[in-house]
Amino acid sequence: MKRVLLAAGAAFMIGASSTPALAQLQADDDATASITVLAPLTVTKDQDLELGAVVVSGAGSYQLAGDGTVTDTPGTVDAFASGPAAEVATFDITADGSVTYDVVVSDDVTLTNGNGDTLTLSTDEGGLIVNGGAGLQGNQTVSVGGRIVFVGTEPGGDYTGTINLEATYN
């Protein structure tokens, strides 16, 4: 009986050692492919910035806030009531509502008259931009005002320049 068991055990060992291990020759798995397509980000000017008219007789400032409020320096820089009505610039922004974006407006804009004289229009002070800034989402209308500081010797004339508003997806 010992011999039979030894022979059976030897046969098993020979069979086990001569049979190769079951190797996996191929394997696979799947990955999902995806893409998010965002609606184009657009900026459209709706209204130009019209600061109105001022009478300058000395040093001072004139400001049109983003909410349309006019502030002048009485006695030296006075809003001229019979001139054109002051209106903020407005820009309509159309954006995908699922992501945020930032809005940047030109900080200082050079306004020039027909003789080459210049004024500096600032837009980077508090209250001059309404609905602008960082982390915006969805469609917005951004209002932009401005501030001019006068030294009191500026020549008269019609001064114009260009304000740029840029919106960028984050």
Foldseek 3Di string as FASTA:
>chain_A
DVVVVVVVVVVVVVVVVVDDDDDDPDDDDDDDDDDDDWDDKDKAWDDAFDQWDWDAQAWWKWKQFLVRDIDTDPPGIGHDPPTDRGDWIKMKIATGQPFFKAKDKDAWWWWAFPVGFTWIWGFPDPRQKDPHGTGHGGIDMITGMTMTTDRRPGDDGDIDTDMDMDMDTD
